[in-house]
Amino acid sequence: MTIERVAIIGLGLLGGSVGLAIAEYLPQVATTGYDASPETRQRAAERGLVGTVHDNAADAVADADLVIFCVPVGAIADVAREMAAAIPAKAIISDVGSSKAAVSQALAEALPNNAVVPAHPVAGTERSGPDAGFPALFRQRWCILTPPEGTDPDAIAEVSAFWEALGAKVELMDAAHHDLVLAVTSHIPHLIAYTIVGTASDLEDVTRSEVIKYSAGGFRDFTRIAASDPTMWRDVFLTNREAVLEMLGRFTEDLTALQRAIRREDGQALFDLFTRTRAIRRSIIEQGQDDARPDFGRGDH
């Protein structure tokens, strides 16, 4: 890897974690950063999320070899256009957004003279802001790269090596396919979580205090997911609209079939479904993507 200077635009959970991970695992790489919020910039400087926090984006990207946009996906196009004149032609452009087709197009249009290698580190927590980041966030997590056809292979290799150095496992994927996969594994689960927590909040015959007081494990996990950054997830659903709607249609059909099985007291259909889905859970644990300990290991923290 020949990258010596990384500029991070957006210093929340992901941007802050990238900066801290570089400091820990790539200490020879210099980092600069910028965030539109003065309060976030101040806190980022206090925590040392990057080597230098700049008060304007142009200064942050001036000498960068790699520019990583860590802003909500709906803002990437405007932010990239605003700083296009300041970004060196040598700089590789990347991001951390969880929808890729729209982001790839936005970055390519805003920065036509730069190599663009969109990235999605499949990692995160329900927390957000400059206090949320930590250097080990990406270790043993997948980072999916979705370079457009014709992208400089050297740029792809540089971004791959960068994420591997931060501890991630790198996979290359077509942007449209990525968006379909993530619609199933991430976007629809978040949509369901937001919906069921909202439904519980709106119930007239169950008080909000009861919902909170008697939260069982399943509902508690939904509330954790539903606590995620609202701006980020609004933008994800709008920028990945087609894939989300396609998967939501499939989910709705499956939910209707489940409703029918309960109405007809078809215990075998329910048992077969639950057996099949249980196997998926075992596979996730076997591949190291979650914790098999009781209560997901939460009692150990």
Protein backbone atom coordinates (compact mmCIF):
# COMPACT_ATOMS: atom_id res chain seq x y z
CA MET A 1 0.00 0.00 0.00
CA THR A 2 1.39 3.39 -1.03
CA ILE A 3 -1.28 5.57 0.59
CA GLU A 4 0.41 8.06 2.93
CA ARG A 5 -2.31 10.65 3.60
CA VAL A 6 -6.00 9.93 4.22
CA ALA A 7 -8.71 12.59 4.44
CA ILE A 8 -11.89 11.63 6.29
CA ILE A 9 -15.00 13.70 5.56
CA GLY A 10 -17.55 13.17 8.33
CA LEU A 11 -16.33 12.35 11.84
CA GLY A 12 -19.13 10.31 13.37
CA LEU A 13 -19.15 6.60 14.24
CA LEU A 14 -17.65 5.33 11.00
CA GLY A 15 -15.39 8.27 10.17
CA GLY A 16 -14.09 8.40 13.73
CA SER A 17 -13.50 4.65 13.77
CA VAL A 18 -11.58 4.83 10.48
CA GLY A 19 -9.36 7.57 11.91
CA LEU A 20 -8.72 5.68 15.15
CA ALA A 21 -8.08 2.43 13.28
CA ILE A 22 -5.52 4.13 11.05
CA ALA A 23 -3.73 5.52 14.12
CA GLU A 24 -3.59 2.04 15.66
CA TYR A 25 -2.93 -0.21 12.66
CA LEU A 26 -1.34 2.17 10.12
CA PRO A 27 0.55 4.65 12.33
CA GLN A 28 2.75 5.74 9.42
CA VAL A 29 -0.30 7.15 7.57
CA ALA A 30 -1.18 10.80 8.23
CA THR A 31 -4.87 11.64 8.69
CA THR A 32 -6.86 14.83 8.26
CA GLY A 33 -10.57 15.29 8.83
CA TYR A 34 -13.53 17.60 8.44
CA ASP A 35 -17.11 17.63 9.65
CA ALA A 36 -19.81 20.19 8.87
CA SER A 37 -20.68 20.46 12.59
CA PRO A 38 -18.38 22.73 14.63
CA GLU A 39 -19.29 20.79 17.77
CA THR A 40 -18.32 17.51 16.10
CA ARG A 41 -15.04 19.02 14.88
CA GLN A 42 -14.22 20.16 18.40
CA ARG A 43 -15.01 16.78 19.94
CA ALA A 44 -13.10 14.97 17.17
CA ALA A 45 -10.04 17.07 17.96
CA GLU A 46 -10.41 16.37 21.68
CA ARG A 47 -10.60 12.62 21.06
CA GLY A 48 -7.85 12.63 18.44
CA LEU A 49 -10.02 10.93 15.84
CA VAL A 50 -7.65 12.20 13.14
CA GLY A 51 -4.22 13.83 13.20
CA THR A 52 -5.55 17.24 12.14
CA VAL A 53 -9.17 18.43 12.21
CA HIS A 54 -9.69 21.24 9.68
CA ASP A 55 -12.34 23.94 9.78
CA ASN A 56 -12.99 23.62 6.05
CA ALA A 57 -13.14 20.63 3.75
CA ALA A 58 -10.76 22.04 1.13
CA ASP A 59 -7.86 22.12 3.57
CA ALA A 60 -8.65 18.59 4.77
CA VAL A 61 -8.40 17.06 1.28
CA ALA A 62 -5.64 19.27 -0.17
CA ASP A 63 -2.81 16.70 -0.08
CA ALA A 64 -4.78 13.47 0.28
CA ASP A 65 -3.94 10.19 -1.43
CA LEU A 66 -7.27 8.73 -0.30
CA VAL A 67 -10.48 10.65 0.47
CA ILE A 68 -13.16 8.72 2.37
CA PHE A 69 -16.65 10.19 2.55
CA CYS A 70 -18.26 9.17 5.86
CA VAL A 71 -21.36 11.35 5.55
CA PRO A 72 -24.98 10.13 5.09
CA VAL A 73 -25.36 8.68 1.59
CA GLY A 74 -27.97 11.29 0.67
CA ALA A 75 -25.41 14.06 1.22
CA ILE A 76 -22.46 12.54 -0.63
CA ALA A 77 -23.24 14.07 -4.04
CA ASP A 78 -23.48 17.64 -2.71
CA VAL A 79 -20.46 17.30 -0.43
CA ALA A 80 -18.32 15.82 -3.22
CA ARG A 81 -19.31 18.57 -5.65
CA GLU A 82 -18.52 21.27 -3.11
CA MET A 83 -14.93 20.09 -2.65
CA ALA A 84 -14.25 18.78 -6.18
CA ALA A 85 -11.88 21.65 -7.03
CA ALA A 86 -9.79 21.03 -3.91
CA ILE A 87 -9.32 17.26 -4.29
CA PRO A 88 -6.02 16.33 -5.98
CA ALA A 89 -6.33 14.39 -9.25
CA LYS A 90 -4.07 11.69 -7.76
CA ALA A 91 -6.48 11.02 -4.88
CA ILE A 92 -8.52 7.83 -4.79
CA ILE A 93 -12.12 8.46 -3.74
CA SER A 94 -14.07 6.10 -1.50
CA ASP A 95 -16.88 6.08 1.06
CA VAL A 96 -18.47 3.88 3.75
CA GLY A 97 -22.15 4.02 2.73
CA SER A 98 -24.42 0.98 2.88
CA SER A 99 -26.11 1.62 -0.47
CA LYS A 100 -23.73 1.54 -3.41
CA ALA A 101 -25.28 1.99 -6.87
CA ALA A 102 -26.53 5.53 -6.21
CA VAL A 103 -23.34 6.49 -4.36
CA SER A 104 -21.12 5.13 -7.14
CA GLN A 105 -22.97 7.21 -9.70
CA ALA A 106 -22.92 10.34 -7.51
CA LEU A 107 -19.18 10.14 -6.88
CA ALA A 108 -18.35 9.40 -10.52
CA GLU A 109 -20.38 12.41 -11.67
CA ALA A 110 -19.02 14.78 -9.02
CA LEU A 111 -15.37 13.69 -9.39
CA PRO A 112 -14.88 12.49 -12.99
CA ASN A 113 -11.10 12.95 -12.89
CA ASN A 114 -10.50 10.70 -9.89
CA ALA A 115 -10.43 6.94 -9.44
CA VAL A 116 -13.57 6.00 -7.47
CA VAL A 117 -13.66 2.81 -5.40
CA PRO A 118 -16.86 2.78 -3.31
CA ALA A 119 -16.68 0.71 -0.13
CA HIS A 120 -19.08 -0.58 2.48
CA PRO A 121 -17.56 -1.84 5.73
CA VAL A 122 -20.34 -4.08 7.07
CA ALA A 123 -19.82 -2.97 10.65
CA GLY A 124 -21.40 -0.52 13.04
CA THR A 125 -23.35 -0.04 16.22
CA GLU A 126 -26.58 1.75 17.12
CA ARG A 127 -24.52 4.66 18.45
CA SER A 128 -23.57 7.69 16.38
CA GLY A 129 -21.48 10.84 16.65
CA PRO A 130 -17.80 11.55 17.40
CA ASP A 131 -17.87 9.74 20.75
CA ALA A 132 -19.08 6.48 19.19
CA GLY A 133 -15.99 5.48 17.21
CA PHE A 134 -13.41 2.87 18.25
CA PRO A 135 -10.42 1.40 16.38
CA ALA A 136 -11.44 -2.28 16.38
CA LEU A 137 -14.83 -1.71 14.72
CA PHE A 138 -13.76 -3.26 11.41
CA ARG A 139 -11.71 -6.20 12.63
CA GLN A 140 -12.93 -9.52 11.23
CA ARG A 141 -15.82 -7.75 9.50
CA TRP A 142 -16.46 -7.74 5.77
CA CYS A 143 -15.74 -4.66 3.70
CA ILE A 144 -17.43 -4.85 0.29
CA LEU A 145 -15.86 -2.85 -2.56
CA THR A 146 -18.01 -2.02 -5.59
CA PRO A 147 -15.67 -0.41 -8.16
CA PRO A 148 -17.37 0.55 -11.42
CA GLU A 149 -16.31 -1.25 -14.60
CA GLY A 150 -13.06 0.19 -15.92
CA THR A 151 -11.73 1.38 -12.56
CA ASP A 152 -7.93 1.46 -12.32
CA PRO A 153 -6.89 -1.95 -10.86
CA ASP A 154 -4.13 -0.25 -8.87
CA ALA A 155 -6.71 1.96 -7.13
CA ILE A 156 -8.79 -1.09 -6.27
CA ALA A 157 -5.70 -2.85 -4.89
CA GLU A 158 -4.81 0.20 -2.78
CA VAL A 159 -8.28 0.43 -1.21
CA SER A 160 -8.35 -3.33 -0.63
CA ALA A 161 -4.97 -3.22 1.11
CA PHE A 162 -6.11 -0.26 3.19
CA TRP A 163 -9.17 -2.05 4.58
CA GLU A 164 -7.26 -5.28 5.12
CA ALA A 165 -4.72 -3.32 7.17
CA LEU A 166 -7.58 -2.12 9.38
CA GLY A 167 -8.52 -5.75 10.01
CA ALA A 168 -11.38 -6.15 7.54
CA LYS A 169 -12.01 -9.02 5.13
CA VAL A 170 -12.43 -7.56 1.63
CA GLU A 171 -14.87 -8.74 -1.04
CA LEU A 172 -15.51 -7.25 -4.51
CA MET A 173 -19.10 -7.10 -5.73
CA ASP A 174 -21.25 -5.46 -8.38
CA ALA A 175 -22.97 -2.38 -6.89
CA ALA A 176 -26.51 -3.43 -7.87
CA HIS A 177 -25.98 -6.93 -6.46
CA HIS A 178 -24.58 -5.43 -3.25
CA ASP A 179 -27.71 -3.33 -2.84
CA LEU A 180 -29.95 -6.38 -3.24
CA VAL A 181 -27.93 -8.44 -0.73
CA LEU A 182 -27.86 -5.63 1.83
CA ALA A 183 -31.57 -4.95 1.36
CA VAL A 184 -32.14 -8.47 2.74
CA THR A 185 -29.44 -8.62 5.40
CA SER A 186 -29.53 -5.07 6.73
CA HIS A 187 -32.06 -2.66 5.28
CA ILE A 188 -35.26 -4.69 5.64
CA PRO A 189 -34.34 -5.80 9.21
CA HIS A 190 -33.89 -2.14 10.14
CA LEU A 191 -37.21 -1.27 8.49
CA ILE A 192 -38.94 -4.04 10.45
CA ALA A 193 -37.31 -2.87 13.69
CA TYR A 194 -38.40 0.73 13.16
CA THR A 195 -41.92 -0.48 12.36
CA ILE A 196 -42.43 -2.85 15.30
CA VAL A 197 -41.02 -0.40 17.84
CA GLY A 198 -43.24 2.31 16.37
CA THR A 199 -46.26 -0.02 16.52
CA ALA A 200 -45.59 -0.77 20.19
CA SER A 201 -45.29 2.94 20.90
CA ASP A 202 -48.63 3.64 19.18
CA LEU A 203 -50.70 0.93 20.90
CA GLU A 204 -53.61 2.42 22.83
CA ASP A 205 -54.32 -0.62 25.01
CA VAL A 206 -50.69 -1.12 26.09
CA THR A 207 -49.00 1.79 27.79
CA ARG A 208 -45.52 2.92 26.81
CA SER A 209 -44.32 2.26 30.35
CA GLU A 210 -45.45 -1.38 30.02
CA VAL A 211 -43.68 -1.71 26.67
CA ILE A 212 -40.46 -0.54 28.32
CA LYS A 213 -40.90 -2.40 31.61
CA TYR A 214 -41.72 -5.81 30.14
CA SER A 215 -39.41 -5.75 27.11
CA ALA A 216 -38.37 -9.33 26.39
CA GLY A 217 -35.18 -10.20 24.54
CA GLY A 218 -36.70 -10.05 21.06
CA PHE A 219 -38.24 -6.61 21.45
CA ARG A 220 -35.14 -5.33 23.24
CA ASP A 221 -33.01 -6.31 20.25
CA PHE A 222 -35.42 -4.53 17.92
CA THR A 223 -35.10 -1.34 19.99
CA ARG A 224 -31.31 -1.52 19.70
CA ILE A 225 -31.55 -1.62 15.90
CA ALA A 226 -34.25 1.06 15.87
CA ALA A 227 -31.96 3.40 17.84
CA SER A 228 -29.67 3.74 14.81
CA ASP A 229 -28.95 7.15 13.25
CA PRO A 230 -32.24 8.38 11.69
CA THR A 231 -30.58 10.59 9.06
CA MET A 232 -28.36 7.78 7.83
CA TRP A 233 -31.21 5.29 7.57
CA ARG A 234 -33.60 7.74 5.91
CA ASP A 235 -30.98 8.22 3.20
CA VAL A 236 -30.28 4.49 2.88
CA PHE A 237 -33.92 3.69 2.18
CA LEU A 238 -34.24 6.51 -0.36
CA THR A 239 -31.00 5.75 -2.22
CA ASN A 240 -31.61 1.98 -2.25
CA ARG A 241 -35.31 2.36 -2.94
CA GLU A 242 -35.72 -0.23 -5.73
CA ALA A 243 -33.91 -3.09 -3.98
CA VAL A 244 -35.66 -2.36 -0.68
CA LEU A 245 -39.10 -2.33 -2.34
CA GLU A 246 -38.36 -5.59 -4.15
CA MET A 247 -37.28 -7.35 -0.95
CA LEU A 248 -40.12 -5.77 1.02
CA GLY A 249 -42.57 -7.26 -1.49
CA ARG A 250 -41.05 -10.71 -0.97
CA PHE A 251 -41.15 -10.27 2.80
CA THR A 252 -44.79 -9.18 2.68
CA GLU A 253 -45.71 -12.33 0.73
CA ASP A 254 -43.88 -14.53 3.25
CA LEU A 255 -45.54 -12.72 6.14
CA THR A 256 -48.95 -13.32 4.57
CA ALA A 257 -48.17 -17.04 4.29
CA LEU A 258 -47.14 -17.09 7.95
CA GLN A 259 -50.36 -15.31 8.89
CA ARG A 260 -52.32 -17.92 6.94
CA ALA A 261 -50.51 -20.79 8.72
CA ILE A 262 -51.37 -19.35 12.14
CA ARG A 263 -55.01 -18.77 11.18
CA ARG A 264 -55.31 -22.36 9.90
CA GLU A 265 -53.45 -23.72 12.94
CA ASP A 266 -50.90 -25.28 10.60
CA GLY A 267 -48.30 -26.21 13.20
CA GLN A 268 -46.19 -28.19 10.72
CA ALA A 269 -45.70 -25.17 8.46
CA LEU A 270 -44.64 -23.07 11.43
CA PHE A 271 -42.28 -25.76 12.72
CA ASP A 272 -40.67 -26.23 9.29
CA LEU A 273 -40.05 -22.50 8.91
CA PHE A 274 -38.60 -22.10 12.38
CA THR A 275 -36.33 -25.14 11.85
CA ARG A 276 -35.04 -23.73 8.57
CA THR A 277 -34.35 -20.27 10.03
CA ARG A 278 -32.62 -21.75 13.07
CA ALA A 279 -30.07 -23.31 10.73
CA ILE A 280 -29.29 -19.86 9.30
CA ARG A 281 -28.49 -18.65 12.82
CA ARG A 282 -26.08 -21.53 13.35
CA SER A 283 -24.32 -20.74 10.07
CA ILE A 284 -23.84 -17.09 11.06
CA ILE A 285 -22.21 -18.14 14.33
CA GLU A 286 -20.03 -20.74 12.58
CA GLN A 287 -18.71 -18.07 10.20
CA GLY A 288 -17.78 -15.80 13.09
CA GLN A 289 -20.36 -13.14 12.31
CA ASP A 290 -21.97 -13.20 15.77
CA ASP A 291 -21.60 -14.49 19.31
CA ALA A 292 -23.04 -17.79 20.49
CA ARG A 293 -22.82 -16.89 24.19
CA PRO A 294 -26.06 -16.43 26.17
CA ASP A 295 -27.65 -13.02 25.66
CA PHE A 296 -25.24 -12.49 22.71
CA GLY A 297 -22.38 -11.98 25.16
CA ARG A 298 -23.89 -8.74 26.45
CA GLY A 299 -23.44 -9.83 30.05
CA ASP A 300 -19.68 -9.82 29.53
CA HIS A 301 -19.55 -6.11 28.78
